[in-house]
Amino acid sequence: MKSQKIGMGLIMLLLVSGISGCGRLRVLTTGYNDSAGAYYDIRGFRMYTETYGKGKPLLMIHGNGGDMNAFANNVPYFSKKFKVILADSRAHGRSVDPSDSLSFEMMADDYAALLTAMHIPRAYVLGWSDGGIIALELAMRHPEKVIRLASTGANLRADSIGLRPDVWQDGVKEYKAWQKRMPLTDAKEKNDYKVFMLDYEQPDIALTELRKIKCPALIIGGDNDLIPVAHTRQIAAHIPRGKLWIVPNSGHATLMDHSRQFNREVDAFFHRFFFKYRHR
């Protein structure tokens, strides 16, 4: 049976609305499948993965405080057409990380190393929330690894421009609450704080840096997302081969609340003959 869980971090805040598509982040989970799982020794930690289906490789990257189960509504569809690769990012889920720091650049390099370890030269990439940021960083830092990417709910700045002002203020309050608990001694609390601080201090990506992305990129956001629509539009407009899709009546969880349409649109983008799109 599917259940819901709430993760840690600035983006992984409690639901504030009962209206479908307007909640801040809902993560569905069906649990892990050990029969499809494998660990890879990647850059100083063991990265947990699961693989489904056959065909061209499609790497799915989850968001802050979550794990690979975020894609429970998407794997059944895409595994019929792709070899779907799921992984728990560094310091998330089963991918225990002993280091005391975390960055999006580090995590993008992790995923590039994972593809190398799996003997996969290039892959399609789908990233959500922090995973969407990692997908952009992966395409900038390792362009040879990415065939096409779809990024939903990504931001370039950790402030009230990259996030809705109310969401940013919630993060500031959470940061102050963490400071009152210092010093941290529990290992889980230390990891949770590290994951929270990732979104509180990062990302810090200049719009001009997006010009490094050479592959076709579908940039997605909900019309009621945590990320302002204007910011999402800017991201798409600064990628040379970027396409924009603002999902109507959707919050941050575009790939969950509108999973059928989301799956079809992303699949079509991955297979579509590419031309330069106008940003509407």
C-alpha atoms as a PDB file:
ATOM      1  CA  MET A   1       0.000   0.000   0.000  1.00  0.00           C
ATOM      2  CA  LYS A   2       1.230   3.473  -0.810  1.00  0.00           C
ATOM      3  CA  SER A   3       1.889   5.845   2.038  1.00  0.00           C
ATOM      4  CA  GLN A   4       2.992   9.427   2.452  1.00  0.00           C
ATOM      5  CA  LYS A   5       6.046  10.697   4.253  1.00  0.00           C
ATOM      6  CA  ILE A   6       7.503  14.094   4.938  1.00  0.00           C
ATOM      7  CA  GLY A   7      11.222  14.687   4.507  1.00  0.00           C
ATOM      8  CA  MET A   8      13.565  17.286   6.005  1.00  0.00           C
ATOM      9  CA  GLY A   9      14.941  20.457   4.498  1.00  0.00           C
ATOM     10  CA  LEU A  10      13.720  23.796   3.233  1.00  0.00           C
ATOM     11  CA  ILE A  11      11.798  22.358   0.297  1.00  0.00           C
ATOM     12  CA  MET A  12      10.470  19.409   2.313  1.00  0.00           C
ATOM     13  CA  LEU A  13       8.054  21.395   4.436  1.00  0.00           C
ATOM     14  CA  LEU A  14       4.719  20.280   5.826  1.00  0.00           C
ATOM     15  CA  LEU A  15       1.672  20.433   3.601  1.00  0.00           C
ATOM     16  CA  VAL A  16      -0.154  23.716   3.950  1.00  0.00           C
ATOM     17  CA  SER A  17      -3.116  23.017   1.732  1.00  0.00           C
ATOM     18  CA  GLY A  18      -5.566  20.205   1.210  1.00  0.00           C
ATOM     19  CA  ILE A  19      -6.136  21.252  -2.401  1.00  0.00           C
ATOM     20  CA  SER A  20      -4.685  18.789  -4.884  1.00  0.00           C
ATOM     21  CA  GLY A  21      -1.594  20.186  -6.543  1.00  0.00           C
ATOM     22  CA  CYS A  22      -1.119  23.039  -4.089  1.00  0.00           C
ATOM     23  CA  GLY A  23       0.681  21.208  -1.280  1.00  0.00           C
ATOM     24  CA  ARG A  24       4.309  22.016  -0.784  1.00  0.00           C
ATOM     25  CA  LEU A  25       5.708  18.562  -1.283  1.00  0.00           C
ATOM     26  CA  ARG A  26       4.189  15.127  -1.058  1.00  0.00           C
ATOM     27  CA  VAL A  27       6.389  12.080  -1.451  1.00  0.00           C
ATOM     28  CA  LEU A  28       4.726   8.783  -2.247  1.00  0.00           C
ATOM     29  CA  THR A  29       6.603   5.641  -1.357  1.00  0.00           C
ATOM     30  CA  THR A  30       6.206   1.953  -2.029  1.00  0.00           C
ATOM     31  CA  GLY A  31       9.367   1.032  -0.163  1.00  0.00           C
ATOM     32  CA  TYR A  32      12.600  -0.431  -1.453  1.00  0.00           C
ATOM     33  CA  ASN A  33      12.881  -3.469  -3.728  1.00  0.00           C
ATOM     34  CA  ASP A  34      16.018  -5.359  -2.725  1.00  0.00           C
ATOM     35  CA  SER A  35      15.728  -7.702  -5.703  1.00  0.00           C
ATOM     36  CA  ALA A  36      16.311  -4.729  -8.038  1.00  0.00           C
ATOM     37  CA  GLY A  37      18.890  -3.051  -5.791  1.00  0.00           C
ATOM     38  CA  ALA A  38      22.657  -2.700  -5.854  1.00  0.00           C
ATOM     39  CA  TYR A  39      25.283  -0.570  -4.136  1.00  0.00           C
ATOM     40  CA  TYR A  40      28.132   1.222  -5.929  1.00  0.00           C
ATOM     41  CA  ASP A  41      31.223   2.627  -4.244  1.00  0.00           C
ATOM     42  CA  ILE A  42      31.087   6.227  -5.446  1.00  0.00           C
ATOM     43  CA  ARG A  43      33.492   8.975  -4.383  1.00  0.00           C
ATOM     44  CA  GLY A  44      33.817   8.006  -0.745  1.00  0.00           C
ATOM     45  CA  PHE A  45      30.380   6.531  -0.010  1.00  0.00           C
ATOM     46  CA  ARG A  46      28.144   3.623  -1.055  1.00  0.00           C
ATOM     47  CA  MET A  47      25.337   4.762  -3.367  1.00  0.00           C
ATOM     48  CA  TYR A  48      22.188   2.661  -3.362  1.00  0.00           C
ATOM     49  CA  THR A  49      20.458   2.076  -6.707  1.00  0.00           C
ATOM     50  CA  GLU A  50      17.553   0.188  -8.222  1.00  0.00           C
ATOM     51  CA  THR A  51      17.102  -0.530 -11.925  1.00  0.00           C
ATOM     52  CA  TYR A  52      13.926  -1.320 -13.860  1.00  0.00           C
ATOM     53  CA  GLY A  53      13.122  -2.047 -17.496  1.00  0.00           C
ATOM     54  CA  LYS A  54      15.202  -2.223 -20.645  1.00  0.00           C
ATOM     55  CA  GLY A  55      16.215   0.205 -23.348  1.00  0.00           C
ATOM     56  CA  LYS A  56      17.983   3.551 -23.315  1.00  0.00           C
ATOM     57  CA  PRO A  57      19.049   4.608 -19.810  1.00  0.00           C
ATOM     58  CA  LEU A  58      16.914   7.121 -17.899  1.00  0.00           C
ATOM     59  CA  LEU A  59      18.368   8.432 -14.635  1.00  0.00           C
ATOM     60  CA  MET A  60      15.829   9.781 -12.114  1.00  0.00           C
ATOM     61  CA  ILE A  61      17.086  12.118  -9.350  1.00  0.00           C
ATOM     62  CA  HIS A  62      14.918  12.817  -6.287  1.00  0.00           C
ATOM     63  CA  GLY A  63      14.607  15.909  -4.089  1.00  0.00           C
ATOM     64  CA  ASN A  64      15.850  17.153  -0.713  1.00  0.00           C
ATOM     65  CA  GLY A  65      15.194  14.903   2.263  1.00  0.00           C
ATOM     66  CA  GLY A  66      13.521  12.226   0.131  1.00  0.00           C
ATOM     67  CA  ASP A  67      14.702   9.149  -1.703  1.00  0.00           C
ATOM     68  CA  MET A  68      14.132   7.228  -4.918  1.00  0.00           C
ATOM     69  CA  ASN A  69      10.561   6.359  -3.910  1.00  0.00           C
ATOM     70  CA  ALA A  70       9.561   9.877  -4.992  1.00  0.00           C
ATOM     71  CA  PHE A  71       9.193   8.384  -8.486  1.00  0.00           C
ATOM     72  CA  ALA A  72       6.625   5.738  -7.538  1.00  0.00           C
ATOM     73  CA  ASN A  73       4.104   7.308  -9.940  1.00  0.00           C
ATOM     74  CA  ASN A  74       6.572   7.466 -12.821  1.00  0.00           C
ATOM     75  CA  VAL A  75       8.640   4.279 -12.860  1.00  0.00           C
ATOM     76  CA  PRO A  76       5.822   1.950 -14.021  1.00  0.00           C
ATOM     77  CA  TYR A  77       5.304   4.125 -17.110  1.00  0.00           C
ATOM     78  CA  PHE A  78       8.915   4.813 -18.046  1.00  0.00           C
ATOM     79  CA  SER A  79      10.240   1.317 -17.318  1.00  0.00           C
ATOM     80  CA  LYS A  80       8.219   0.061 -20.287  1.00  0.00           C
ATOM     81  CA  LYS A  81      10.293   2.265 -22.597  1.00  0.00           C
ATOM     82  CA  PHE A  82      13.600   2.894 -20.826  1.00  0.00           C
ATOM     83  CA  LYS A  83      16.109   1.296 -18.513  1.00  0.00           C
ATOM     84  CA  VAL A  84      15.169   3.346 -15.455  1.00  0.00           C
ATOM     85  CA  ILE A  85      17.966   3.994 -12.956  1.00  0.00           C
ATOM     86  CA  LEU A  86      16.970   5.146  -9.487  1.00  0.00           C
ATOM     87  CA  ALA A  87      19.433   6.142  -6.789  1.00  0.00           C
ATOM     88  CA  ASP A  88      19.407   7.600  -3.303  1.00  0.00           C
ATOM     89  CA  SER A  89      21.515  10.740  -3.408  1.00  0.00           C
ATOM     90  CA  ARG A  90      24.448  11.212  -1.055  1.00  0.00           C
ATOM     91  CA  ALA A  91      23.223  11.589   2.576  1.00  0.00           C
ATOM     92  CA  HIS A  92      19.713  10.445   1.615  1.00  0.00           C
ATOM     93  CA  GLY A  93      17.884   7.163   2.086  1.00  0.00           C
ATOM     94  CA  ARG A  94      20.234   4.204   1.985  1.00  0.00           C
ATOM     95  CA  SER A  95      23.196   6.215   0.647  1.00  0.00           C
ATOM     96  CA  VAL A  96      24.877   6.994   3.965  1.00  0.00           C
ATOM     97  CA  ASP A  97      27.419   9.805   3.673  1.00  0.00           C
ATOM     98  CA  PRO A  98      30.147  10.235   6.322  1.00  0.00           C
ATOM     99  CA  SER A  99      31.293  13.667   5.127  1.00  0.00           C
ATOM    100  CA  ASP A 100      30.386  16.892   6.907  1.00  0.00           C
ATOM    101  CA  SER A 101      29.531  18.922   3.795  1.00  0.00           C
ATOM    102  CA  LEU A 102      27.115  18.751   0.898  1.00  0.00           C
ATOM    103  CA  SER A 103      26.787  20.649  -2.364  1.00  0.00           C
ATOM    104  CA  PHE A 104      24.888  20.351  -5.635  1.00  0.00           C
ATOM    105  CA  GLU A 105      28.150  20.254  -7.559  1.00  0.00           C
ATOM    106  CA  MET A 106      29.319  17.341  -5.405  1.00  0.00           C
ATOM    107  CA  MET A 107      26.059  15.479  -5.979  1.00  0.00           C
ATOM    108  CA  ALA A 108      26.158  16.065  -9.737  1.00  0.00           C
ATOM    109  CA  ASP A 109      29.659  14.598  -9.799  1.00  0.00           C
ATOM    110  CA  ASP A 110      28.319  11.623  -7.810  1.00  0.00           C
ATOM    111  CA  TYR A 111      25.741  10.867 -10.485  1.00  0.00           C
ATOM    112  CA  ALA A 112      28.310  11.221 -13.259  1.00  0.00           C
ATOM    113  CA  ALA A 113      30.518   8.730 -11.402  1.00  0.00           C
ATOM    114  CA  LEU A 114      27.551   6.405 -10.935  1.00  0.00           C
ATOM    115  CA  LEU A 115      26.879   6.304 -14.685  1.00  0.00           C
ATOM    116  CA  THR A 116      30.557   5.541 -15.269  1.00  0.00           C
ATOM    117  CA  ALA A 117      30.498   2.756 -12.664  1.00  0.00           C
ATOM    118  CA  MET A 118      27.413   1.287 -14.363  1.00  0.00           C
ATOM    119  CA  HIS A 119      29.180   1.454 -17.751  1.00  0.00           C
ATOM    120  CA  ILE A 120      26.571   3.872 -19.088  1.00  0.00           C
ATOM    121  CA  PRO A 121      28.208   6.516 -21.318  1.00  0.00           C
ATOM    122  CA  ARG A 122      25.135   8.768 -21.592  1.00  0.00           C
ATOM    123  CA  ALA A 123      21.617   8.880 -20.189  1.00  0.00           C
ATOM    124  CA  TYR A 124      18.360  10.756 -20.291  1.00  0.00           C
ATOM    125  CA  VAL A 125      17.866  12.556 -16.976  1.00  0.00           C
ATOM    126  CA  LEU A 126      14.733  13.447 -15.007  1.00  0.00           C
ATOM    127  CA  GLY A 127      15.177  15.481 -11.830  1.00  0.00           C
ATOM    128  CA  TRP A 128      12.668  16.843  -9.330  1.00  0.00           C
ATOM    129  CA  SER A 129      13.205  19.726  -6.881  1.00  0.00           C
ATOM    130  CA  ASP A 130      16.809  19.383  -5.635  1.00  0.00           C
ATOM    131  CA  GLY A 131      17.074  16.593  -8.184  1.00  0.00           C
ATOM    132  CA  GLY A 132      16.162  19.124 -10.854  1.00  0.00           C
ATOM    133  CA  ILE A 133      19.039  21.327  -9.701  1.00  0.00           C
ATOM    134  CA  ILE A 134      21.385  18.331  -9.745  1.00  0.00           C
ATOM    135  CA  ALA A 135      20.208  17.515 -13.296  1.00  0.00           C
ATOM    136  CA  LEU A 136      21.124  21.039 -14.416  1.00  0.00           C
ATOM    137  CA  GLU A 137      24.508  20.814 -12.692  1.00  0.00           C
ATOM    138  CA  LEU A 138      25.127  17.404 -14.253  1.00  0.00           C
ATOM    139  CA  ALA A 139      24.460  18.813 -17.722  1.00  0.00           C
ATOM    140  CA  MET A 140      26.744  21.799 -17.036  1.00  0.00           C
ATOM    141  CA  ARG A 141      29.607  19.879 -15.435  1.00  0.00           C
ATOM    142  CA  HIS A 142      29.386  16.654 -17.455  1.00  0.00           C
ATOM    143  CA  PRO A 143      27.646  17.507 -20.741  1.00  0.00           C
ATOM    144  CA  GLU A 144      28.872  14.321 -22.359  1.00  0.00           C
ATOM    145  CA  LYS A 145      26.788  12.297 -19.879  1.00  0.00           C
ATOM    146  CA  VAL A 146      23.371  13.802 -20.660  1.00  0.00           C
ATOM    147  CA  ILE A 147      21.328  13.073 -23.782  1.00  0.00           C
ATOM    148  CA  ARG A 148      18.321  15.189 -22.756  1.00  0.00           C
ATOM    149  CA  LEU A 149      17.062  16.380 -19.409  1.00  0.00           C
ATOM    150  CA  ALA A 150      13.758  17.232 -17.786  1.00  0.00           C
ATOM    151  CA  SER A 151      13.940  19.326 -14.622  1.00  0.00           C
ATOM    152  CA  THR A 152      10.875  20.132 -12.530  1.00  0.00           C
ATOM    153  CA  GLY A 153      10.734  22.448  -9.528  1.00  0.00           C
ATOM    154  CA  ALA A 154      14.365  23.613  -9.716  1.00  0.00           C
ATOM    155  CA  ASN A 155      15.723  26.959  -8.539  1.00  0.00           C
ATOM    156  CA  LEU A 156      19.059  28.715  -9.024  1.00  0.00           C
ATOM    157  CA  ARG A 157      19.100  30.835  -5.872  1.00  0.00           C
ATOM    158  CA  ALA A 158      18.465  30.237  -2.177  1.00  0.00           C
ATOM    159  CA  ASP A 159      16.527  33.420  -1.471  1.00  0.00           C
ATOM    160  CA  SER A 160      13.153  35.075  -1.992  1.00  0.00           C
ATOM    161  CA  ILE A 161      13.806  35.295  -5.735  1.00  0.00           C
ATOM    162  CA  GLY A 162      14.550  31.614  -6.268  1.00  0.00           C
ATOM    163  CA  LEU A 163      11.783  30.615  -3.831  1.00  0.00           C
ATOM    164  CA  ARG A 164       8.414  32.134  -3.038  1.00  0.00           C
ATOM    165  CA  PRO A 165       8.951  34.740  -0.271  1.00  0.00           C
ATOM    166  CA  ASP A 166       6.705  32.864   2.180  1.00  0.00           C
ATOM    167  CA  VAL A 167       8.619  29.634   1.578  1.00  0.00           C
ATOM    168  CA  TRP A 168      11.929  31.396   2.101  1.00  0.00           C
ATOM    169  CA  GLN A 169      10.717  32.927   5.366  1.00  0.00           C
ATOM    170  CA  ASP A 170       9.644  29.469   6.568  1.00  0.00           C
ATOM    171  CA  GLY A 171      13.190  28.323   5.867  1.00  0.00           C
ATOM    172  CA  VAL A 172      14.645  31.207   7.858  1.00  0.00           C
ATOM    173  CA  LYS A 173      12.446  30.256  10.825  1.00  0.00           C
ATOM    174  CA  GLU A 174      13.566  26.635  10.546  1.00  0.00           C
ATOM    175  CA  TYR A 175      17.217  27.725  10.425  1.00  0.00           C
ATOM    176  CA  LYS A 176      16.769  29.702  13.661  1.00  0.00           C
ATOM    177  CA  ALA A 177      15.118  26.690  15.288  1.00  0.00           C
ATOM    178  CA  TRP A 178      18.128  24.532  14.338  1.00  0.00           C
ATOM    179  CA  GLN A 179      20.536  27.041  15.869  1.00  0.00           C
ATOM    180  CA  LYS A 180      18.784  26.758  19.235  1.00  0.00           C
ATOM    181  CA  ARG A 181      19.547  23.026  19.256  1.00  0.00           C
ATOM    182  CA  MET A 182      23.294  23.389  18.804  1.00  0.00           C
ATOM    183  CA  PRO A 183      25.592  21.621  19.327  1.00  0.00           C
ATOM    184  CA  LEU A 184      24.158  18.521  17.674  1.00  0.00           C
ATOM    185  CA  THR A 185      25.403  15.154  18.930  1.00  0.00           C
ATOM    186  CA  ASP A 186      23.023  12.630  17.352  1.00  0.00           C
ATOM    187  CA  ALA A 187      24.219  11.248  13.987  1.00  0.00           C
ATOM    188  CA  LYS A 188      20.796  11.431  12.370  1.00  0.00           C
ATOM    189  CA  GLU A 189      20.274  15.022  13.509  1.00  0.00           C
ATOM    190  CA  LYS A 190      23.668  15.971  12.111  1.00  0.00           C
ATOM    191  CA  ASN A 191      22.777  14.452   8.757  1.00  0.00           C
ATOM    192  CA  ASP A 192      19.336  16.095   8.728  1.00  0.00           C
ATOM    193  CA  TYR A 193      20.945  19.462   9.458  1.00  0.00           C
ATOM    194  CA  LYS A 194      23.478  18.961   6.670  1.00  0.00           C
ATOM    195  CA  VAL A 195      20.644  18.180   4.243  1.00  0.00           C
ATOM    196  CA  PHE A 196      18.652  21.206   5.446  1.00  0.00           C
ATOM    197  CA  MET A 197      21.625  23.534   5.058  1.00  0.00           C
ATOM    198  CA  LEU A 198      22.101  22.369   1.477  1.00  0.00           C
ATOM    199  CA  ASP A 199      18.884  24.171   0.521  1.00  0.00           C
ATOM    200  CA  TYR A 200      19.324  27.036   2.973  1.00  0.00           C
ATOM    201  CA  GLU A 201      22.712  28.083   1.569  1.00  0.00           C
ATOM    202  CA  GLN A 202      22.471  26.767  -1.988  1.00  0.00           C
ATOM    203  CA  PRO A 203      22.174  26.782  -4.950  1.00  0.00           C
ATOM    204  CA  ASP A 204      23.964  29.847  -6.246  1.00  0.00           C
ATOM    205  CA  ILE A 205      23.962  29.481 -10.024  1.00  0.00           C
ATOM    206  CA  ALA A 206      24.223  32.471 -12.365  1.00  0.00           C
ATOM    207  CA  LEU A 207      21.745  32.475 -15.232  1.00  0.00           C
ATOM    208  CA  THR A 208      24.646  32.843 -17.664  1.00  0.00           C
ATOM    209  CA  GLU A 209      26.063  29.507 -16.437  1.00  0.00           C
ATOM    210  CA  LEU A 210      23.064  27.752 -18.000  1.00  0.00           C
ATOM    211  CA  ARG A 211      24.554  28.422 -21.424  1.00  0.00           C
ATOM    212  CA  LYS A 212      26.878  25.501 -20.728  1.00  0.00           C
ATOM    213  CA  ILE A 213      23.905  23.137 -21.122  1.00  0.00           C
ATOM    214  CA  LYS A 214      24.128  21.923 -24.706  1.00  0.00           C
ATOM    215  CA  CYS A 215      21.472  19.208 -24.673  1.00  0.00           C
ATOM    216  CA  PRO A 216      17.722  19.806 -25.115  1.00  0.00           C
ATOM    217  CA  ALA A 217      16.190  20.602 -21.719  1.00  0.00           C
ATOM    218  CA  LEU A 218      12.561  20.638 -20.613  1.00  0.00           C
ATOM    219  CA  ILE A 219      12.140  23.033 -17.669  1.00  0.00           C
ATOM    220  CA  ILE A 220       8.941  22.403 -15.709  1.00  0.00           C
ATOM    221  CA  GLY A 221       7.161  24.179 -12.893  1.00  0.00           C
ATOM    222  CA  GLY A 222       3.695  24.313 -11.405  1.00  0.00           C
ATOM    223  CA  ASP A 223       1.693  27.525 -11.670  1.00  0.00           C
ATOM    224  CA  ASN A 224       1.501  27.425  -7.841  1.00  0.00           C
ATOM    225  CA  ASP A 225       4.990  26.013  -7.282  1.00  0.00           C
ATOM    226  CA  LEU A 226       7.417  26.790  -4.469  1.00  0.00           C
ATOM    227  CA  ILE A 227       9.522  28.263  -7.253  1.00  0.00           C
ATOM    228  CA  PRO A 228       8.128  31.515  -8.717  1.00  0.00           C
ATOM    229  CA  VAL A 229       6.957  31.058 -12.295  1.00  0.00           C
ATOM    230  CA  ALA A 230       9.076  34.045 -13.362  1.00  0.00           C
ATOM    231  CA  HIS A 231      12.202  32.285 -12.067  1.00  0.00           C
ATOM    232  CA  THR A 232      11.333  29.053 -13.888  1.00  0.00           C
ATOM    233  CA  ARG A 233      10.810  31.042 -17.086  1.00  0.00           C
ATOM    234  CA  GLN A 234      14.239  32.607 -16.689  1.00  0.00           C
ATOM    235  CA  ILE A 235      15.867  29.197 -16.334  1.00  0.00           C
ATOM    236  CA  ALA A 236      14.281  27.906 -19.543  1.00  0.00           C
ATOM    237  CA  ALA A 237      15.069  31.094 -21.451  1.00  0.00           C
ATOM    238  CA  HIS A 238      18.794  30.947 -20.633  1.00  0.00           C
ATOM    239  CA  ILE A 239      19.312  27.359 -21.795  1.00  0.00           C
ATOM    240  CA  PRO A 240      20.196  27.405 -25.512  1.00  0.00           C
ATOM    241  CA  ARG A 241      17.941  24.440 -26.322  1.00  0.00           C
ATOM    242  CA  GLY A 242      15.460  24.918 -23.522  1.00  0.00           C
ATOM    243  CA  LYS A 243      11.715  24.384 -23.520  1.00  0.00           C
ATOM    244  CA  LEU A 244       9.346  25.668 -20.835  1.00  0.00           C
ATOM    245  CA  TRP A 245       6.271  23.897 -19.454  1.00  0.00           C
ATOM    246  CA  ILE A 246       4.240  25.528 -16.682  1.00  0.00           C
ATOM    247  CA  VAL A 247       1.745  22.934 -15.435  1.00  0.00           C
ATOM    248  CA  PRO A 248      -1.704  24.461 -14.734  1.00  0.00           C
ATOM    249  CA  ASN A 249      -3.330  23.894 -11.335  1.00  0.00           C
ATOM    250  CA  SER A 250      -0.151  22.406  -9.914  1.00  0.00           C
ATOM    251  CA  GLY A 251       2.075  23.002  -6.930  1.00  0.00           C
ATOM    252  CA  HIS A 252       5.600  21.648  -6.479  1.00  0.00           C
ATOM    253  CA  ALA A 253       4.650  17.992  -6.950  1.00  0.00           C
ATOM    254  CA  THR A 254       4.020  18.156 -10.707  1.00  0.00           C
ATOM    255  CA  LEU A 255       5.199  14.589 -11.291  1.00  0.00           C
ATOM    256  CA  MET A 256       2.797  13.246  -8.625  1.00  0.00           C
ATOM    257  CA  ASP A 257      -0.341  15.345  -8.794  1.00  0.00           C
ATOM    258  CA  HIS A 258      -0.389  15.265 -12.599  1.00  0.00           C
ATOM    259  CA  SER A 259       1.559  12.042 -13.114  1.00  0.00           C
ATOM    260  CA  ARG A 260      -0.300  10.786 -16.202  1.00  0.00           C
ATOM    261  CA  GLN A 261       0.117  14.024 -18.127  1.00  0.00           C
ATOM    262  CA  PHE A 262       3.620  14.513 -16.728  1.00  0.00           C
ATOM    263  CA  ASN A 263       4.753  11.077 -17.873  1.00  0.00           C
ATOM    264  CA  ARG A 264       3.338  11.563 -21.374  1.00  0.00           C
ATOM    265  CA  GLU A 265       4.810  15.056 -21.815  1.00  0.00           C
ATOM    266  CA  VAL A 266       8.284  14.133 -20.585  1.00  0.00           C
ATOM    267  CA  ASP A 267       8.303  10.956 -22.663  1.00  0.00           C
ATOM    268  CA  ALA A 268       7.260  12.923 -25.747  1.00  0.00           C
ATOM    269  CA  PHE A 269      10.017  15.452 -25.108  1.00  0.00           C
ATOM    270  CA  PHE A 270      12.627  12.719 -24.817  1.00  0.00           C
ATOM    271  CA  HIS A 271      11.556  11.274 -28.171  1.00  0.00           C
ATOM    272  CA  ARG A 272      10.594  14.435 -30.057  1.00  0.00           C
ATOM    273  CA  PHE A 273      12.594  15.896 -32.910  1.00  0.00           C
ATOM    274  CA  PHE A 274      14.085  19.016 -31.370  1.00  0.00           C
ATOM    275  CA  PHE A 275      13.771  22.546 -32.575  1.00  0.00           C
ATOM    276  CA  LYS A 276      14.121  25.884 -30.783  1.00  0.00           C
ATOM    277  CA  TYR A 277      11.012  26.528 -28.674  1.00  0.00           C
ATOM    278  CA  ARG A 278       9.505  29.863 -27.829  1.00  0.00           C
ATOM    279  CA  HIS A 279       9.041  30.532 -24.136  1.00  0.00           C
ATOM    280  CA  ARG A 280       5.415  31.380 -23.477  1.00  0.00           C
END
